[in-house]
PDB file of N, CA and C in Angstrom:
ATOM      1  N   MET A   1       1.709   9.509  21.319  1.00  0.00           N
ATOM      2  CA  MET A   1       0.437   8.691  20.930  1.00  0.00           C
ATOM      3  C   MET A   1       0.693   7.245  21.042  1.00  0.00           C
ATOM      4  N   ILE A   2      -0.172   6.572  21.634  1.00  0.00           N
ATOM      5  CA  ILE A   2      -0.056   5.204  21.764  1.00  0.00           C
ATOM      6  C   ILE A   2      -0.767   4.459  20.437  1.00  0.00           C
ATOM      7  N   ILE A   3       0.044   3.673  19.899  1.00  0.00           N
ATOM      8  CA  ILE A   3      -0.264   3.118  18.585  1.00  0.00           C
ATOM      9  C   ILE A   3      -1.319   1.866  18.970  1.00  0.00           C
ATOM     10  N   PHE A   4      -2.343   1.829  18.218  1.00  0.00           N
ATOM     11  CA  PHE A   4      -3.419   0.867  18.387  1.00  0.00           C
ATOM     12  C   PHE A   4      -2.707  -0.563  17.916  1.00  0.00           C
ATOM     13  N   HIS A   5      -2.759  -1.511  18.840  1.00  0.00           N
ATOM     14  CA  HIS A   5      -2.057  -2.760  18.483  1.00  0.00           C
ATOM     15  C   HIS A   5      -2.857  -3.414  17.457  1.00  0.00           C
ATOM     16  N   ASN A   6      -2.153  -4.137  16.596  1.00  0.00           N
ATOM     17  CA  ASN A   6      -2.688  -4.914  15.495  1.00  0.00           C
ATOM     18  C   ASN A   6      -3.225  -6.214  16.054  1.00  0.00           C
ATOM     19  N   ILE A   7      -4.589  -6.355  16.058  1.00  0.00           N
ATOM     20  CA  ILE A   7      -5.204  -7.429  16.711  1.00  0.00           C
ATOM     21  C   ILE A   7      -4.966  -8.732  15.862  1.00  0.00           C
ATOM     22  N   PHE A   8      -4.541  -8.644  14.562  1.00  0.00           N
ATOM     23  CA  PHE A   8      -4.252  -9.823  13.809  1.00  0.00           C
ATOM     24  C   PHE A   8      -3.041 -10.472  14.324  1.00  0.00           C
ATOM     25  N   PHE A   9      -2.068  -9.724  14.789  1.00  0.00           N
ATOM     26  CA  PHE A   9      -0.863 -10.274  15.290  1.00  0.00           C
ATOM     27  C   PHE A   9      -1.167 -11.129  16.570  1.00  0.00           C
ATOM     28  N   TYR A  10      -2.068 -10.734  17.419  1.00  0.00           N
ATOM     29  CA  TYR A  10      -2.467 -11.466  18.565  1.00  0.00           C
ATOM     30  C   TYR A  10      -3.317 -12.803  18.144  1.00  0.00           C
ATOM     31  N   LEU A  11      -4.073 -12.602  17.136  1.00  0.00           N
ATOM     32  CA  LEU A  11      -4.903 -13.719  16.699  1.00  0.00           C
ATOM     33  C   LEU A  11      -4.027 -14.719  16.087  1.00  0.00           C
ATOM     34  N   ALA A  12      -3.011 -14.337  15.399  1.00  0.00           N
ATOM     35  CA  ALA A  12      -1.969 -15.231  14.837  1.00  0.00           C
ATOM     36  C   ALA A  12      -1.380 -16.134  15.932  1.00  0.00           C
ATOM     37  N   ILE A  13      -0.850 -15.432  17.091  1.00  0.00           N
ATOM     38  CA  ILE A  13      -0.275 -16.189  18.165  1.00  0.00           C
ATOM     39  C   ILE A  13      -1.267 -17.079  18.740  1.00  0.00           C
ATOM     40  N   LEU A  14      -2.435 -16.757  18.941  1.00  0.00           N
ATOM     41  CA  LEU A  14      -3.517 -17.688  19.422  1.00  0.00           C
ATOM     42  C   LEU A  14      -3.764 -18.868  18.430  1.00  0.00           C
ATOM     43  N   LEU A  15      -3.796 -18.520  17.172  1.00  0.00           N
ATOM     44  CA  LEU A  15      -3.997 -19.602  16.173  1.00  0.00           C
ATOM     45  C   LEU A  15      -2.837 -20.577  16.196  1.00  0.00           C
ATOM     46  N   TYR A  16      -1.593 -20.082  16.378  1.00  0.00           N
ATOM     47  CA  TYR A  16      -0.469 -20.954  16.345  1.00  0.00           C
ATOM     48  C   TYR A  16      -0.417 -21.826  17.671  1.00  0.00           C
ATOM     49  N   VAL A  17      -0.907 -21.355  18.899  1.00  0.00           N
ATOM     50  CA  VAL A  17      -0.870 -22.000  20.076  1.00  0.00           C
ATOM     51  C   VAL A  17      -1.917 -23.187  19.849  1.00  0.00           C
ATOM     52  N   VAL A  18      -3.094 -22.898  19.260  1.00  0.00           N
ATOM     53  CA  VAL A  18      -4.189 -23.871  19.126  1.00  0.00           C
ATOM     54  C   VAL A  18      -3.775 -24.924  18.186  1.00  0.00           C
ATOM     55  N   LEU A  19      -3.155 -24.513  17.069  1.00  0.00           N
ATOM     56  CA  LEU A  19      -2.856 -25.496  15.931  1.00  0.00           C
ATOM     57  C   LEU A  19      -1.566 -26.276  16.146  1.00  0.00           C
ATOM     58  N   SER A  20      -0.766 -25.792  17.039  1.00  0.00           N
ATOM     59  CA  SER A  20       0.431 -26.540  17.483  1.00  0.00           C
ATOM     60  C   SER A  20       0.200 -27.528  18.492  1.00  0.00           C
ATOM     61  N   ASN A  21      -1.015 -27.770  18.942  1.00  0.00           N
ATOM     62  CA  ASN A  21      -1.365 -28.608  19.925  1.00  0.00           C
ATOM     63  C   ASN A  21      -0.651 -28.364  21.229  1.00  0.00           C
ATOM     64  N   SER A  22      -0.360 -27.186  21.504  1.00  0.00           N
ATOM     65  CA  SER A  22       0.470 -26.837  22.732  1.00  0.00           C
ATOM     66  C   SER A  22      -0.400 -26.495  23.818  1.00  0.00           C
ATOM     67  N   LEU A  23      -1.708 -26.405  23.575  1.00  0.00           N
ATOM     68  CA  LEU A  23      -2.696 -25.998  24.605  1.00  0.00           C
ATOM     69  C   LEU A  23      -2.660 -26.874  25.837  1.00  0.00           C
ATOM     70  N   PRO A  24      -2.615 -28.231  25.624  1.00  0.00           N
ATOM     71  CA  PRO A  24      -2.583 -29.098  26.995  1.00  0.00           C
ATOM     72  C   PRO A  24      -1.159 -28.823  27.726  1.00  0.00           C
ATOM     73  N   ARG A  25      -0.083 -28.440  27.063  1.00  0.00           N
ATOM     74  CA  ARG A  25       1.203 -28.245  27.647  1.00  0.00           C
ATOM     75  C   ARG A  25       1.186 -26.897  28.482  1.00  0.00           C
ATOM     76  N   ILE A  26       0.600 -25.936  27.859  1.00  0.00           N
ATOM     77  CA  ILE A  26       0.569 -24.610  28.649  1.00  0.00           C
ATOM     78  C   ILE A  26      -0.614 -24.521  29.667  1.00  0.00           C
ATOM     79  N   GLY A  27      -1.630 -25.295  29.428  1.00  0.00           N
ATOM     80  CA  GLY A  27      -2.658 -25.304  30.425  1.00  0.00           C
ATOM     81  C   GLY A  27      -3.797 -24.263  30.027  1.00  0.00           C
ATOM     82  N   MET A  28      -4.946 -24.517  30.691  1.00  0.00           N
ATOM     83  CA  MET A  28      -6.121 -23.523  30.341  1.00  0.00           C
ATOM     84  C   MET A  28      -5.936 -22.265  31.021  1.00  0.00           C
ATOM     85  N   TYR A  29      -5.400 -22.256  32.212  1.00  0.00           N
ATOM     86  CA  TYR A  29      -5.191 -20.947  32.876  1.00  0.00           C
ATOM     87  C   TYR A  29      -4.294 -20.019  32.157  1.00  0.00           C
ATOM     88  N   GLU A  30      -3.137 -20.493  31.643  1.00  0.00           N
ATOM     89  CA  GLU A  30      -2.275 -19.772  30.817  1.00  0.00           C
ATOM     90  C   GLU A  30      -2.919 -19.280  29.508  1.00  0.00           C
ATOM     91  N   PHE A  31      -3.728 -20.053  28.892  1.00  0.00           N
ATOM     92  CA  PHE A  31      -4.346 -19.757  27.708  1.00  0.00           C
ATOM     93  C   PHE A  31      -5.420 -18.529  27.941  1.00  0.00           C
ATOM     94  N   VAL A  32      -6.183 -18.671  29.010  1.00  0.00           N
ATOM     95  CA  VAL A  32      -7.129 -17.696  29.486  1.00  0.00           C
ATOM     96  C   VAL A  32      -6.319 -16.317  29.776  1.00  0.00           C
ATOM     97  N   TYR A  33      -5.210 -16.362  30.500  1.00  0.00           N
ATOM     98  CA  TYR A  33      -4.445 -15.306  30.771  1.00  0.00           C
ATOM     99  C   TYR A  33      -3.924 -14.632  29.420  1.00  0.00           C
ATOM    100  N   ILE A  34      -3.458 -15.359  28.593  1.00  0.00           N
ATOM    101  CA  ILE A  34      -3.077 -14.727  27.292  1.00  0.00           C
ATOM    102  C   ILE A  34      -4.174 -14.046  26.562  1.00  0.00           C
ATOM    103  N   PHE A  35      -5.428 -14.634  26.509  1.00  0.00           N
ATOM    104  CA  PHE A  35      -6.516 -14.032  25.900  1.00  0.00           C
ATOM    105  C   PHE A  35      -6.916 -12.752  26.681  1.00  0.00           C
ATOM    106  N   MET A  36      -6.862 -12.728  27.934  1.00  0.00           N
ATOM    107  CA  MET A  36      -7.286 -11.617  28.678  1.00  0.00           C
ATOM    108  C   MET A  36      -6.309 -10.556  28.511  1.00  0.00           C
ATOM    109  N   TYR A  37      -4.991 -10.850  28.413  1.00  0.00           N
ATOM    110  CA  TYR A  37      -4.105  -9.824  28.285  1.00  0.00           C
ATOM    111  C   TYR A  37      -4.202  -9.239  26.838  1.00  0.00           C
ATOM    112  N   ILE A  38      -4.584  -9.930  25.799  1.00  0.00           N
ATOM    113  CA  ILE A  38      -4.737  -9.352  24.560  1.00  0.00           C
ATOM    114  C   ILE A  38      -6.044  -8.358  24.547  1.00  0.00           C
ATOM    115  N   CYS A  39      -7.116  -8.860  25.244  1.00  0.00           N
ATOM    116  CA  CYS A  39      -8.301  -8.000  25.421  1.00  0.00           C
ATOM    117  C   CYS A  39      -7.912  -6.747  26.065  1.00  0.00           C
ATOM    118  N   TYR A  40      -7.139  -6.800  27.201  1.00  0.00           N
ATOM    119  CA  TYR A  40      -6.714  -5.680  27.941  1.00  0.00           C
ATOM    120  C   TYR A  40      -5.899  -4.619  27.133  1.00  0.00           C
ATOM    121  N   GLU A  41      -4.901  -5.112  26.468  1.00  0.00           N
ATOM    122  CA  GLU A  41      -4.033  -4.288  25.520  1.00  0.00           C
ATOM    123  C   GLU A  41      -4.924  -3.576  24.397  1.00  0.00           C
ATOM    124  N   THR A  42      -5.874  -4.364  23.799  1.00  0.00           N
ATOM    125  CA  THR A  42      -6.661  -3.761  22.800  1.00  0.00           C
ATOM    126  C   THR A  42      -7.649  -2.710  23.326  1.00  0.00           C
ATOM    127  N   ILE A  43      -8.258  -2.960  24.483  1.00  0.00           N
ATOM    128  CA  ILE A  43      -9.219  -1.893  25.008  1.00  0.00           C
ATOM    129  C   ILE A  43      -8.457  -0.716  25.560  1.00  0.00           C
ATOM    130  N   VAL A  44      -7.284  -0.877  26.172  1.00  0.00           N
ATOM    131  CA  VAL A  44      -6.583   0.282  26.770  1.00  0.00           C
ATOM    132  C   VAL A  44      -6.114   1.131  25.484  1.00  0.00           C
ATOM    133  N   SER A  45      -5.564   0.546  24.526  1.00  0.00           N
ATOM    134  CA  SER A  45      -5.000   1.257  23.322  1.00  0.00           C
ATOM    135  C   SER A  45      -6.217   1.919  22.600  1.00  0.00           C
ATOM    136  N   ALA A  46      -7.364   1.428  22.442  1.00  0.00           N
ATOM    137  CA  ALA A  46      -8.498   1.967  21.916  1.00  0.00           C
ATOM    138  C   ALA A  46      -9.022   3.224  22.624  1.00  0.00           C
ATOM    139  N   LEU A  47      -9.089   2.943  23.991  1.00  0.00           N
ATOM    140  CA  LEU A  47      -9.627   4.086  24.983  1.00  0.00           C
ATOM    141  C   LEU A  47      -8.637   5.229  24.946  1.00  0.00           C
ATOM    142  N   SER A  48      -7.290   4.980  24.967  1.00  0.00           N
ATOM    143  CA  SER A  48      -6.301   6.020  24.875  1.00  0.00           C
ATOM    144  C   SER A  48      -6.482   6.894  23.685  1.00  0.00           C
ATOM    145  N   PHE A  49      -6.680   6.160  22.525  1.00  0.00           N
ATOM    146  CA  PHE A  49      -6.819   6.944  21.263  1.00  0.00           C
ATOM    147  C   PHE A  49      -8.090   7.694  21.194  1.00  0.00           C
ATOM    148  N   TRP A  50      -9.222   7.177  21.846  1.00  0.00           N
ATOM    149  CA  TRP A  50     -10.433   7.829  21.889  1.00  0.00           C
ATOM    150  C   TRP A  50     -10.284   9.155  22.728  1.00  0.00           C
ATOM    151  N   PHE A  51      -9.724   8.966  23.857  1.00  0.00           N
ATOM    152  CA  PHE A  51      -9.544  10.247  24.716  1.00  0.00           C
ATOM    153  C   PHE A  51      -8.582  11.276  24.183  1.00  0.00           C
ATOM    154  N   GLN A  52      -7.637  10.833  23.385  1.00  0.00           N
ATOM    155  CA  GLN A  52      -6.758  11.747  22.676  1.00  0.00           C
ATOM    156  C   GLN A  52      -7.558  12.429  21.607  1.00  0.00           C
ATOM    157  N   ALA A  53      -8.343  11.784  20.868  1.00  0.00           N
ATOM    158  CA  ALA A  53      -9.180  12.390  19.922  1.00  0.00           C
ATOM    159  C   ALA A  53     -10.171  13.448  20.496  1.00  0.00           C
ATOM    160  N   LEU A  54     -10.659  13.182  21.801  1.00  0.00           N
ATOM    161  CA  LEU A  54     -11.497  14.093  22.391  1.00  0.00           C
ATOM    162  C   LEU A  54     -10.646  15.290  22.848  1.00  0.00           C
ATOM    163  N   LYS A  55      -9.369  15.136  23.236  1.00  0.00           N
ATOM    164  CA  LYS A  55      -8.635  16.259  23.690  1.00  0.00           C
ATOM    165  C   LYS A  55      -8.297  17.100  22.516  1.00  0.00           C
ATOM    166  N   LYS A  56      -7.999  16.591  21.462  1.00  0.00           N
ATOM    167  CA  LYS A  56      -7.646  17.401  20.283  1.00  0.00           C
ATOM    168  C   LYS A  56      -8.795  18.145  19.735  1.00  0.00           C
ATOM    169  N   ARG A  57      -9.980  17.693  19.895  1.00  0.00           N
ATOM    170  CA  ARG A  57     -11.256  18.203  19.379  1.00  0.00           C
ATOM    171  C   ARG A  57     -11.099  18.334  17.803  1.00  0.00           C
ATOM    172  N   GLU A  58     -10.966  17.371  17.202  1.00  0.00           N
ATOM    173  CA  GLU A  58     -10.709  17.361  15.768  1.00  0.00           C
ATOM    174  C   GLU A  58     -12.066  17.744  15.040  1.00  0.00           C
ATOM    175  N   ARG A  59     -11.932  18.154  13.814  1.00  0.00           N
ATOM    176  CA  ARG A  59     -13.092  18.702  13.066  1.00  0.00           C
ATOM    177  C   ARG A  59     -14.257  17.803  13.117  1.00  0.00           C
ATOM    178  N   ARG A  60     -14.028  16.520  12.751  1.00  0.00           N
ATOM    179  CA  ARG A  60     -15.068  15.561  12.863  1.00  0.00           C
ATOM    180  C   ARG A  60     -14.833  14.388  13.669  1.00  0.00           C
ATOM    181  N   LEU A  61     -15.441  14.262  14.826  1.00  0.00           N
ATOM    182  CA  LEU A  61     -15.232  13.150  15.758  1.00  0.00           C
ATOM    183  C   LEU A  61     -15.598  11.822  15.357  1.00  0.00           C
ATOM    184  N   TRP A  62     -16.590  11.797  14.237  1.00  0.00           N
ATOM    185  CA  TRP A  62     -17.174  10.515  13.907  1.00  0.00           C
ATOM    186  C   TRP A  62     -16.002   9.768  13.156  1.00  0.00           C
ATOM    187  N   GLN A  63     -14.931  10.500  12.515  1.00  0.00           N
ATOM    188  CA  GLN A  63     -13.882   9.800  11.856  1.00  0.00           C
ATOM    189  C   GLN A  63     -12.888   9.330  12.827  1.00  0.00           C
ATOM    190  N   ASP A  64     -12.968   9.738  14.141  1.00  0.00           N
ATOM    191  CA  ASP A  64     -11.998   9.192  15.091  1.00  0.00           C
ATOM    192  C   ASP A  64     -12.556   8.258  16.047  1.00  0.00           C
ATOM    193  N   THR A  65     -13.552   7.540  15.580  1.00  0.00           N
ATOM    194  CA  THR A  65     -14.055   6.471  16.487  1.00  0.00           C
ATOM    195  C   THR A  65     -13.043   5.287  16.597  1.00  0.00           C
ATOM    196  N   ILE A  66     -13.306   4.505  17.592  1.00  0.00           N
ATOM    197  CA  ILE A  66     -12.440   3.265  17.761  1.00  0.00           C
ATOM    198  C   ILE A  66     -12.581   2.380  16.490  1.00  0.00           C
ATOM    199  N   PHE A  67     -13.723   2.154  15.866  1.00  0.00           N
ATOM    200  CA  PHE A  67     -13.882   1.169  14.770  1.00  0.00           C
ATOM    201  C   PHE A  67     -13.165   1.697  13.562  1.00  0.00           C
ATOM    202  N   LEU A  68     -13.224   2.911  13.168  1.00  0.00           N
ATOM    203  CA  LEU A  68     -12.551   3.492  12.005  1.00  0.00           C
ATOM    204  C   LEU A  68     -11.041   3.422  12.182  1.00  0.00           C
ATOM    205  N   HIS A  69     -10.543   3.712  13.405  1.00  0.00           N
ATOM    206  CA  HIS A  69      -9.066   3.697  13.646  1.00  0.00           C
ATOM    207  C   HIS A  69      -8.611   2.166  13.599  1.00  0.00           C
ATOM    208  N   PHE A  70      -9.502   1.321  14.037  1.00  0.00           N
ATOM    209  CA  PHE A  70      -9.044  -0.099  13.950  1.00  0.00           C
ATOM    210  C   PHE A  70      -8.971  -0.475  12.441  1.00  0.00           C
ATOM    211  N   ILE A  71      -9.926  -0.146  11.601  1.00  0.00           N
ATOM    212  CA  ILE A  71      -9.895  -0.449  10.202  1.00  0.00           C
ATOM    213  C   ILE A  71      -8.660   0.146   9.541  1.00  0.00           C
ATOM    214  N   GLN A  72      -8.379   1.400   9.954  1.00  0.00           N
ATOM    215  CA  GLN A  72      -7.175   2.092   9.309  1.00  0.00           C
ATOM    216  C   GLN A  72      -5.884   1.381   9.665  1.00  0.00           C
ATOM    217  N   ASN A  73      -5.687   0.975  10.976  1.00  0.00           N
ATOM    218  CA  ASN A  73      -4.457   0.290  11.250  1.00  0.00           C
ATOM    219  C   ASN A  73      -4.415  -1.117  10.886  1.00  0.00           C
ATOM    220  N   SER A  74      -5.506  -1.797  10.680  1.00  0.00           N
ATOM    221  CA  SER A  74      -5.509  -3.257  10.563  1.00  0.00           C
ATOM    222  C   SER A  74      -5.355  -3.503   9.050  1.00  0.00           C
ATOM    223  N   PHE A  75      -5.985  -2.798   8.250  1.00  0.00           N
ATOM    224  CA  PHE A  75      -5.960  -3.048   6.834  1.00  0.00           C
ATOM    225  C   PHE A  75      -5.318  -2.043   6.054  1.00  0.00           C
ATOM    226  N   LYS A  76      -4.637  -1.054   6.724  1.00  0.00           N
ATOM    227  CA  LYS A  76      -3.851   0.024   6.059  1.00  0.00           C
ATOM    228  C   LYS A  76      -4.672   0.777   4.951  1.00  0.00           C
ATOM    229  N   ILE A  77      -5.824   1.089   5.288  1.00  0.00           N
ATOM    230  CA  ILE A  77      -6.780   1.732   4.460  1.00  0.00           C
ATOM    231  C   ILE A  77      -6.817   3.209   4.872  1.00  0.00           C
ATOM    232  N   GLN A  78      -6.685   4.157   3.964  1.00  0.00           N
ATOM    233  CA  GLN A  78      -6.789   5.560   4.139  1.00  0.00           C
ATOM    234  C   GLN A  78      -8.254   5.990   3.907  1.00  0.00           C
ATOM    235  N   ILE A  79      -8.925   6.564   4.946  1.00  0.00           N
ATOM    236  CA  ILE A  79     -10.280   6.990   4.771  1.00  0.00           C
ATOM    237  C   ILE A  79     -10.366   8.436   4.530  1.00  0.00           C
ATOM    238  N   PHE A  80     -10.871   8.863   3.436  1.00  0.00           N
ATOM    239  CA  PHE A  80     -10.864  10.229   3.024  1.00  0.00           C
ATOM    240  C   PHE A  80     -12.230  10.846   3.234  1.00  0.00           C
ATOM    241  N   ASN A  81     -12.213  12.205   3.349  1.00  0.00           N
ATOM    242  CA  ASN A  81     -13.424  13.010   3.580  1.00  0.00           C
ATOM    243  C   ASN A  81     -14.157  13.096   2.265  1.00  0.00           C
ATOM    244  N   ILE A  82     -15.451  12.639   2.261  1.00  0.00           N
ATOM    245  CA  ILE A  82     -16.343  12.748   1.180  1.00  0.00           C
ATOM    246  C   ILE A  82     -17.358  13.531   1.469  1.00  0.00           C
ATOM    247  N   ASN A  83     -17.546  14.852   0.974  1.00  0.00           N
ATOM    248  CA  ASN A  83     -18.548  15.787   1.181  1.00  0.00           C
ATOM    249  C   ASN A  83     -19.568  15.802   0.076  1.00  0.00           C
TER     250      ASN A  83
END
């Protein structure tokens, strides 16, 4: 199972690049490349998780959406079934 990458790790890297004033040194093309790579990794991980959830045919697919999976992994929150 591909683990959904923690987006806050990537945001911290981007924030470090911007706050350290290294943006003129690396150039705008490299900055855009880093940002597009982050988007690519996030989208691919989310889609792979979604397809695995569809393959497993879990009891409730609404719990296995991309957004809830992102919340669980980013904030380490356990989402319980409330009936």
